[in-house]
Amino acid sequence: MTQDEIRQYLAANGSVQIQVAAREDGSPEMAWGDTFCFAVDADGQAKKMPFVTIVTKDYRGFDEESRLDRGLYRVNLDVGKAKFEELFGFGPRELADRRNDFDFAAVDTLIPHPAYGANGWVSIVEPGERSQNALEQLLAFAIRRALA
């Protein structure tokens, strides 16, 4: 899926607010071009934290392991502890001991988020044909979870 296809999929749900960070909305320059997806409550207010993000660049000194500076992007999903464990066979808090099991720069592969995996986030760098089914299922799951 392309970034636009992911945004369109999420935007089809009226309870999801999409923000593509830009100068005009006051976002920090480092985030410009990145996408943040928020669940919207019954009163129309967006929750404070996103449940899906699309990042288009490395964040120097913080999140560089995916090597997005190759012209790639990464979709990140908050799936929570139980789903994370179902996907990887261990809990998010065990990731620190298992980091060497993952290539965080691998393309089109479901991996724990390199920075937020310990919080139940998963990622796919440059999702393509191999990961499309998993991505679609996880997007639907992340929406349901965020709106619960």
N, C-alpha and C. Protein backbone atom coordinates (compact mmCIF):
# COMPACT_ATOMS: atom_id res chain seq x y z
N MET A 1 0.85 -1.18 0.00
CA MET A 1 0.00 0.00 0.00
C MET A 1 0.89 1.24 0.00
N THR A 2 0.47 2.24 -0.72
CA THR A 2 1.18 3.50 -0.71
C THR A 2 0.74 4.31 0.51
N GLN A 3 1.46 5.39 0.77
CA GLN A 3 1.06 6.27 1.87
C GLN A 3 -0.35 6.79 1.64
N ASP A 4 -0.64 7.21 0.40
CA ASP A 4 -1.98 7.73 0.10
C ASP A 4 -3.05 6.66 0.30
N GLU A 5 -2.77 5.43 -0.09
CA GLU A 5 -3.75 4.35 0.09
C GLU A 5 -3.99 4.09 1.57
N ILE A 6 -2.95 4.14 2.37
CA ILE A 6 -3.11 3.96 3.82
C ILE A 6 -3.96 5.08 4.40
N ARG A 7 -3.65 6.32 4.01
CA ARG A 7 -4.44 7.47 4.51
C ARG A 7 -5.89 7.37 4.07
N GLN A 8 -6.13 6.98 2.81
CA GLN A 8 -7.50 6.84 2.31
C GLN A 8 -8.25 5.75 3.06
N TYR A 9 -7.59 4.64 3.31
CA TYR A 9 -8.21 3.55 4.06
C TYR A 9 -8.65 4.05 5.44
N LEU A 10 -7.76 4.73 6.13
CA LEU A 10 -8.07 5.23 7.47
C LEU A 10 -9.12 6.33 7.43
N ALA A 11 -9.03 7.22 6.46
CA ALA A 11 -9.96 8.35 6.36
C ALA A 11 -11.38 7.90 6.03
N ALA A 12 -11.53 6.70 5.48
CA ALA A 12 -12.86 6.19 5.17
C ALA A 12 -13.69 5.98 6.43
N ASN A 13 -13.03 5.90 7.57
CA ASN A 13 -13.72 5.78 8.85
C ASN A 13 -13.89 7.18 9.42
N GLY A 14 -15.11 7.62 9.58
CA GLY A 14 -15.40 8.97 10.06
C GLY A 14 -14.90 9.25 11.46
N SER A 15 -14.49 8.23 12.17
CA SER A 15 -13.98 8.41 13.53
C SER A 15 -12.46 8.47 13.58
N VAL A 16 -11.85 8.69 12.42
CA VAL A 16 -10.39 8.82 12.34
C VAL A 16 -10.05 10.18 11.77
N GLN A 17 -9.17 10.89 12.44
CA GLN A 17 -8.68 12.19 11.97
C GLN A 17 -7.25 12.00 11.48
N ILE A 18 -6.98 12.47 10.26
CA ILE A 18 -5.66 12.34 9.65
C ILE A 18 -4.99 13.71 9.65
N GLN A 19 -3.76 13.77 10.10
CA GLN A 19 -2.97 15.00 10.05
C GLN A 19 -1.64 14.69 9.36
N VAL A 20 -1.39 15.38 8.25
CA VAL A 20 -0.07 15.33 7.64
C VAL A 20 0.65 16.58 8.13
N ALA A 21 1.66 16.38 8.93
CA ALA A 21 2.34 17.49 9.59
C ALA A 21 2.91 18.47 8.56
N ALA A 22 2.70 19.76 8.84
CA ALA A 22 3.17 20.82 7.94
C ALA A 22 3.44 22.08 8.74
N ARG A 23 4.17 22.98 8.14
CA ARG A 23 4.46 24.27 8.77
C ARG A 23 3.16 24.97 9.18
N GLU A 24 2.17 24.92 8.31
CA GLU A 24 0.92 25.65 8.53
C GLU A 24 0.16 25.22 9.78
N ASP A 25 0.34 23.97 10.21
CA ASP A 25 -0.40 23.52 11.40
C ASP A 25 0.43 23.63 12.68
N GLY A 26 1.62 24.22 12.55
CA GLY A 26 2.45 24.43 13.73
C GLY A 26 3.28 23.23 14.15
N SER A 27 3.29 22.20 13.31
CA SER A 27 4.09 21.01 13.62
C SER A 27 5.58 21.34 13.59
N PRO A 28 6.37 20.66 14.40
CA PRO A 28 7.82 20.87 14.33
C PRO A 28 8.35 20.49 12.95
N GLU A 29 9.33 21.21 12.48
CA GLU A 29 9.87 20.99 11.14
C GLU A 29 10.29 19.54 10.91
N MET A 30 10.84 18.92 11.93
CA MET A 30 11.29 17.53 11.79
C MET A 30 10.15 16.61 11.37
N ALA A 31 8.91 16.92 11.76
CA ALA A 31 7.77 16.04 11.48
C ALA A 31 7.08 16.36 10.15
N TRP A 32 7.44 17.45 9.49
CA TRP A 32 6.75 17.82 8.25
C TRP A 32 6.76 16.65 7.26
N GLY A 33 5.59 16.37 6.72
CA GLY A 33 5.44 15.29 5.76
C GLY A 33 5.05 13.97 6.39
N ASP A 34 5.19 13.85 7.69
CA ASP A 34 4.79 12.62 8.38
C ASP A 34 3.29 12.67 8.68
N THR A 35 2.66 11.51 8.76
CA THR A 35 1.22 11.40 8.96
C THR A 35 0.93 10.88 10.35
N PHE A 36 -0.06 11.50 11.00
CA PHE A 36 -0.49 11.10 12.34
C PHE A 36 -2.00 10.86 12.29
N CYS A 37 -2.44 9.70 12.75
CA CYS A 37 -3.85 9.31 12.69
C CYS A 37 -4.39 9.16 14.10
N PHE A 38 -5.46 9.89 14.38
CA PHE A 38 -6.03 9.95 15.72
C PHE A 38 -7.46 9.42 15.70
N ALA A 39 -7.84 8.72 16.75
CA ALA A 39 -9.23 8.33 16.94
C ALA A 39 -10.00 9.55 17.43
N VAL A 40 -11.23 9.69 16.97
CA VAL A 40 -12.09 10.80 17.36
C VAL A 40 -13.20 10.26 18.25
N ASP A 41 -13.41 10.90 19.40
CA ASP A 41 -14.43 10.43 20.34
C ASP A 41 -15.83 10.87 19.91
N ALA A 42 -16.83 10.47 20.67
CA ALA A 42 -18.23 10.77 20.34
C ALA A 42 -18.51 12.26 20.29
N ASP A 43 -17.71 13.07 20.99
CA ASP A 43 -17.88 14.52 20.97
C ASP A 43 -17.12 15.18 19.83
N GLY A 44 -16.48 14.39 18.98
CA GLY A 44 -15.74 14.93 17.86
C GLY A 44 -14.34 15.39 18.19
N GLN A 45 -13.87 15.06 19.38
CA GLN A 45 -12.52 15.46 19.80
C GLN A 45 -11.52 14.34 19.50
N ALA A 46 -10.42 14.72 18.89
CA ALA A 46 -9.37 13.74 18.61
C ALA A 46 -8.63 13.40 19.90
N LYS A 47 -8.32 12.11 20.05
CA LYS A 47 -7.51 11.70 21.19
C LYS A 47 -6.13 12.33 21.08
N LYS A 48 -5.44 12.41 22.19
CA LYS A 48 -4.16 13.11 22.25
C LYS A 48 -3.05 12.39 21.49
N MET A 49 -3.04 11.07 21.54
CA MET A 49 -1.96 10.29 20.94
C MET A 49 -2.45 9.57 19.67
N PRO A 50 -1.64 9.54 18.63
CA PRO A 50 -2.03 8.82 17.41
C PRO A 50 -1.99 7.31 17.64
N PHE A 51 -2.73 6.58 16.81
CA PHE A 51 -2.70 5.13 16.87
C PHE A 51 -2.05 4.53 15.63
N VAL A 52 -1.87 5.34 14.61
CA VAL A 52 -1.11 4.97 13.41
C VAL A 52 -0.31 6.19 13.00
N THR A 53 0.93 5.97 12.59
CA THR A 53 1.73 7.05 12.01
C THR A 53 2.41 6.52 10.76
N ILE A 54 2.73 7.44 9.88
CA ILE A 54 3.55 7.14 8.71
C ILE A 54 4.71 8.11 8.75
N VAL A 55 5.92 7.60 8.87
CA VAL A 55 7.09 8.46 8.93
C VAL A 55 7.90 8.32 7.65
N THR A 56 8.44 9.44 7.21
CA THR A 56 9.09 9.50 5.90
C THR A 56 10.59 9.76 5.99
N LYS A 57 11.08 9.81 7.23
CA LYS A 57 12.50 10.12 7.40
C LYS A 57 12.98 9.58 8.73
N ASP A 58 14.28 9.47 8.86
CA ASP A 58 14.89 9.10 10.13
C ASP A 58 14.82 10.30 11.07
N TYR A 59 14.66 10.03 12.34
CA TYR A 59 14.72 11.07 13.37
C TYR A 59 16.09 10.91 14.02
N ARG A 60 17.02 11.74 13.60
CA ARG A 60 18.42 11.64 14.02
C ARG A 60 18.56 11.59 15.53
N GLY A 61 19.36 10.64 15.98
CA GLY A 61 19.62 10.49 17.40
C GLY A 61 18.51 9.81 18.18
N PHE A 62 17.43 9.42 17.50
CA PHE A 62 16.30 8.81 18.20
C PHE A 62 15.80 7.56 17.48
N ASP A 63 15.50 7.69 16.20
CA ASP A 63 14.85 6.60 15.46
C ASP A 63 15.48 6.54 14.07
N GLU A 64 16.58 5.80 13.97
CA GLU A 64 17.32 5.72 12.70
C GLU A 64 17.48 4.29 12.19
N GLU A 65 17.06 3.31 12.95
CA GLU A 65 17.35 1.91 12.61
C GLU A 65 16.66 1.42 11.35
N SER A 66 15.58 2.08 10.93
CA SER A 66 14.88 1.65 9.72
C SER A 66 15.54 2.18 8.45
N ARG A 67 16.49 3.10 8.61
CA ARG A 67 17.22 3.67 7.48
C ARG A 67 16.27 4.21 6.41
N LEU A 68 15.34 5.04 6.85
CA LEU A 68 14.38 5.63 5.92
C LEU A 68 15.03 6.64 4.99
N ASP A 69 16.27 7.02 5.28
CA ASP A 69 16.98 7.97 4.43
C ASP A 69 17.29 7.38 3.05
N ARG A 70 16.85 6.14 2.81
CA ARG A 70 16.98 5.51 1.49
C ARG A 70 15.82 5.90 0.58
N GLY A 71 14.99 6.85 1.01
CA GLY A 71 13.82 7.23 0.24
C GLY A 71 12.60 6.37 0.54
N LEU A 72 12.59 5.75 1.72
CA LEU A 72 11.51 4.85 2.11
C LEU A 72 10.64 5.50 3.18
N TYR A 73 9.50 4.88 3.45
CA TYR A 73 8.65 5.31 4.57
C TYR A 73 8.33 4.08 5.41
N ARG A 74 7.82 4.35 6.61
CA ARG A 74 7.45 3.27 7.53
C ARG A 74 6.09 3.58 8.12
N VAL A 75 5.19 2.60 8.08
CA VAL A 75 3.91 2.73 8.75
C VAL A 75 4.04 2.06 10.11
N ASN A 76 3.52 2.74 11.13
CA ASN A 76 3.62 2.30 12.52
C ASN A 76 2.22 2.18 13.10
N LEU A 77 1.96 1.11 13.82
CA LEU A 77 0.63 0.86 14.36
C LEU A 77 0.70 0.49 15.83
N ASP A 78 -0.15 1.10 16.62
CA ASP A 78 -0.28 0.76 18.04
C ASP A 78 -1.26 -0.40 18.13
N VAL A 79 -0.73 -1.61 18.36
CA VAL A 79 -1.58 -2.79 18.42
C VAL A 79 -1.76 -3.32 19.84
N GLY A 80 -1.02 -2.77 20.79
CA GLY A 80 -1.15 -3.19 22.17
C GLY A 80 -0.38 -4.46 22.48
N LYS A 81 -0.32 -4.74 23.77
CA LYS A 81 0.50 -5.84 24.28
C LYS A 81 0.05 -7.21 23.77
N ALA A 82 -1.25 -7.50 23.87
CA ALA A 82 -1.74 -8.84 23.51
C ALA A 82 -1.52 -9.15 22.04
N LYS A 83 -1.85 -8.21 21.17
CA LYS A 83 -1.68 -8.44 19.73
C LYS A 83 -0.19 -8.53 19.38
N PHE A 84 0.63 -7.70 20.00
CA PHE A 84 2.07 -7.76 19.79
C PHE A 84 2.58 -9.17 20.11
N GLU A 85 2.16 -9.69 21.26
CA GLU A 85 2.59 -11.03 21.67
C GLU A 85 2.09 -12.09 20.71
N GLU A 86 0.86 -11.93 20.23
CA GLU A 86 0.31 -12.86 19.25
C GLU A 86 1.15 -12.85 17.96
N LEU A 87 1.58 -11.67 17.56
CA LEU A 87 2.33 -11.53 16.31
C LEU A 87 3.76 -12.04 16.40
N PHE A 88 4.40 -11.81 17.54
CA PHE A 88 5.84 -12.09 17.64
C PHE A 88 6.20 -13.22 18.60
N GLY A 89 5.22 -13.68 19.40
CA GLY A 89 5.49 -14.79 20.30
C GLY A 89 6.15 -14.40 21.61
N PHE A 90 6.24 -13.12 21.88
CA PHE A 90 6.78 -12.62 23.15
C PHE A 90 6.17 -11.25 23.40
N GLY A 91 6.18 -10.83 24.65
CA GLY A 91 5.59 -9.56 25.02
C GLY A 91 6.47 -8.37 24.65
N PRO A 92 5.87 -7.20 24.51
CA PRO A 92 6.63 -6.00 24.14
C PRO A 92 7.81 -5.70 25.06
N ARG A 93 7.65 -5.97 26.34
CA ARG A 93 8.73 -5.65 27.29
C ARG A 93 9.95 -6.56 27.13
N GLU A 94 9.77 -7.65 26.39
CA GLU A 94 10.89 -8.55 26.13
C GLU A 94 11.70 -8.14 24.91
N LEU A 95 11.24 -7.11 24.20
CA LEU A 95 11.91 -6.71 22.96
C LEU A 95 13.37 -6.34 23.18
N ALA A 96 13.68 -5.69 24.26
CA ALA A 96 15.07 -5.27 24.51
C ALA A 96 16.02 -6.46 24.43
N ASP A 97 15.57 -7.62 24.90
CA ASP A 97 16.42 -8.81 24.88
C ASP A 97 16.40 -9.54 23.54
N ARG A 98 15.50 -9.12 22.64
CA ARG A 98 15.34 -9.82 21.36
C ARG A 98 15.60 -8.93 20.15
N ARG A 99 16.13 -7.75 20.37
CA ARG A 99 16.35 -6.81 19.27
C ARG A 99 17.20 -7.41 18.15
N ASN A 100 18.16 -8.23 18.51
CA ASN A 100 19.05 -8.81 17.50
C ASN A 100 18.34 -9.82 16.60
N ASP A 101 17.12 -10.19 16.95
CA ASP A 101 16.34 -11.11 16.12
C ASP A 101 15.70 -10.40 14.92
N PHE A 102 15.77 -9.07 14.89
CA PHE A 102 15.06 -8.30 13.88
C PHE A 102 15.99 -7.40 13.09
N ASP A 103 15.69 -7.28 11.81
CA ASP A 103 16.35 -6.30 10.95
C ASP A 103 15.35 -5.16 10.80
N PHE A 104 15.55 -4.10 11.55
CA PHE A 104 14.59 -2.99 11.57
C PHE A 104 14.60 -2.19 10.27
N ALA A 105 15.53 -2.49 9.37
CA ALA A 105 15.57 -1.83 8.07
C ALA A 105 14.98 -2.71 6.96
N ALA A 106 14.52 -3.92 7.31
CA ALA A 106 13.96 -4.83 6.31
C ALA A 106 12.71 -4.21 5.69
N VAL A 107 12.59 -4.35 4.39
CA VAL A 107 11.47 -3.78 3.64
C VAL A 107 10.36 -4.82 3.52
N ASP A 108 9.11 -4.33 3.59
CA ASP A 108 7.93 -5.17 3.34
C ASP A 108 7.83 -6.34 4.32
N THR A 109 8.22 -6.08 5.57
CA THR A 109 8.25 -7.11 6.61
C THR A 109 7.69 -6.54 7.91
N LEU A 110 6.79 -7.26 8.54
CA LEU A 110 6.26 -6.84 9.83
C LEU A 110 7.33 -7.01 10.90
N ILE A 111 7.60 -5.94 11.64
CA ILE A 111 8.61 -5.94 12.70
C ILE A 111 8.09 -5.14 13.89
N PRO A 112 8.66 -5.35 15.06
CA PRO A 112 8.35 -4.44 16.16
C PRO A 112 8.86 -3.04 15.80
N HIS A 113 8.18 -2.03 16.30
CA HIS A 113 8.66 -0.66 16.07
C HIS A 113 10.02 -0.52 16.76
N PRO A 114 11.01 0.04 16.06
CA PRO A 114 12.35 0.12 16.65
C PRO A 114 12.44 0.97 17.91
N ALA A 115 11.59 1.99 18.04
CA ALA A 115 11.64 2.85 19.23
C ALA A 115 10.48 2.58 20.20
N TYR A 116 9.30 2.24 19.68
CA TYR A 116 8.12 2.08 20.52
C TYR A 116 7.60 0.65 20.59
N GLY A 117 8.38 -0.31 20.13
CA GLY A 117 7.97 -1.71 20.22
C GLY A 117 7.67 -2.13 21.65
N ALA A 118 8.44 -1.63 22.59
CA ALA A 118 8.23 -1.98 24.00
C ALA A 118 6.89 -1.48 24.52
N ASN A 119 6.24 -0.61 23.76
CA ASN A 119 4.92 -0.09 24.12
C ASN A 119 3.80 -0.73 23.29
N GLY A 120 4.12 -1.78 22.53
CA GLY A 120 3.09 -2.48 21.76
C GLY A 120 2.89 -1.95 20.36
N TRP A 121 3.87 -1.25 19.82
CA TRP A 121 3.79 -0.73 18.45
C TRP A 121 4.52 -1.67 17.50
N VAL A 122 3.97 -1.82 16.29
CA VAL A 122 4.60 -2.61 15.23
C VAL A 122 4.79 -1.72 14.01
N SER A 123 5.62 -2.17 13.07
CA SER A 123 5.96 -1.35 11.91
C SER A 123 6.14 -2.21 10.67
N ILE A 124 6.00 -1.55 9.53
CA ILE A 124 6.38 -2.13 8.24
C ILE A 124 7.06 -1.03 7.45
N VAL A 125 8.31 -1.25 7.05
CA VAL A 125 9.02 -0.32 6.19
C VAL A 125 8.61 -0.61 4.75
N GLU A 126 8.16 0.44 4.05
CA GLU A 126 7.80 0.33 2.63
C GLU A 126 6.92 -0.90 2.38
N PRO A 127 5.69 -0.90 2.95
CA PRO A 127 4.83 -2.07 2.78
C PRO A 127 4.55 -2.34 1.30
N GLY A 128 4.57 -3.61 0.96
CA GLY A 128 4.33 -4.02 -0.42
C GLY A 128 3.47 -5.27 -0.46
N GLU A 129 3.63 -6.01 -1.52
CA GLU A 129 2.79 -7.18 -1.77
C GLU A 129 2.87 -8.22 -0.65
N ARG A 130 4.07 -8.48 -0.16
CA ARG A 130 4.25 -9.52 0.86
C ARG A 130 3.53 -9.18 2.17
N SER A 131 3.50 -7.91 2.54
CA SER A 131 2.92 -7.53 3.83
C SER A 131 1.52 -6.93 3.72
N GLN A 132 0.99 -6.82 2.51
CA GLN A 132 -0.28 -6.11 2.33
C GLN A 132 -1.42 -6.70 3.15
N ASN A 133 -1.59 -8.01 3.13
CA ASN A 133 -2.68 -8.62 3.88
C ASN A 133 -2.54 -8.34 5.38
N ALA A 134 -1.33 -8.53 5.90
CA ALA A 134 -1.09 -8.26 7.32
C ALA A 134 -1.35 -6.80 7.64
N LEU A 135 -0.90 -5.89 6.77
CA LEU A 135 -1.11 -4.47 7.02
C LEU A 135 -2.59 -4.13 7.05
N GLU A 136 -3.35 -4.62 6.09
CA GLU A 136 -4.79 -4.33 6.06
C GLU A 136 -5.47 -4.85 7.33
N GLN A 137 -5.13 -6.06 7.75
CA GLN A 137 -5.72 -6.61 8.97
C GLN A 137 -5.32 -5.80 10.20
N LEU A 138 -4.05 -5.39 10.26
CA LEU A 138 -3.59 -4.62 11.42
C LEU A 138 -4.15 -3.21 11.43
N LEU A 139 -4.35 -2.60 10.27
CA LEU A 139 -5.00 -1.29 10.23
C LEU A 139 -6.42 -1.39 10.78
N ALA A 140 -7.17 -2.40 10.35
CA ALA A 140 -8.54 -2.59 10.85
C ALA A 140 -8.52 -2.84 12.35
N PHE A 141 -7.59 -3.67 12.81
CA PHE A 141 -7.47 -3.95 14.24
C PHE A 141 -7.13 -2.68 15.02
N ALA A 142 -6.16 -1.91 14.52
CA ALA A 142 -5.74 -0.68 15.21
C ALA A 142 -6.88 0.33 15.31
N ILE A 143 -7.69 0.42 14.26
CA ILE A 143 -8.85 1.32 14.31
C ILE A 143 -9.81 0.86 15.40
N ARG A 144 -10.18 -0.42 15.38
CA ARG A 144 -11.12 -0.94 16.39
C ARG A 144 -10.58 -0.71 17.80
N ARG A 145 -9.31 -0.98 17.98
CA ARG A 145 -8.69 -0.83 19.30
C ARG A 145 -8.69 0.63 19.74
N ALA A 146 -8.37 1.53 18.83
CA ALA A 146 -8.31 2.96 19.17
C ALA A 146 -9.68 3.53 19.50
N LEU A 147 -10.71 2.98 18.88
CA LEU A 147 -12.07 3.49 19.09
C LEU A 147 -12.79 2.81 20.25
N ALA A 148 -12.20 1.77 20.79
CA ALA A 148 -12.84 1.02 21.89
C ALA A 148 -12.87 1.83 23.17
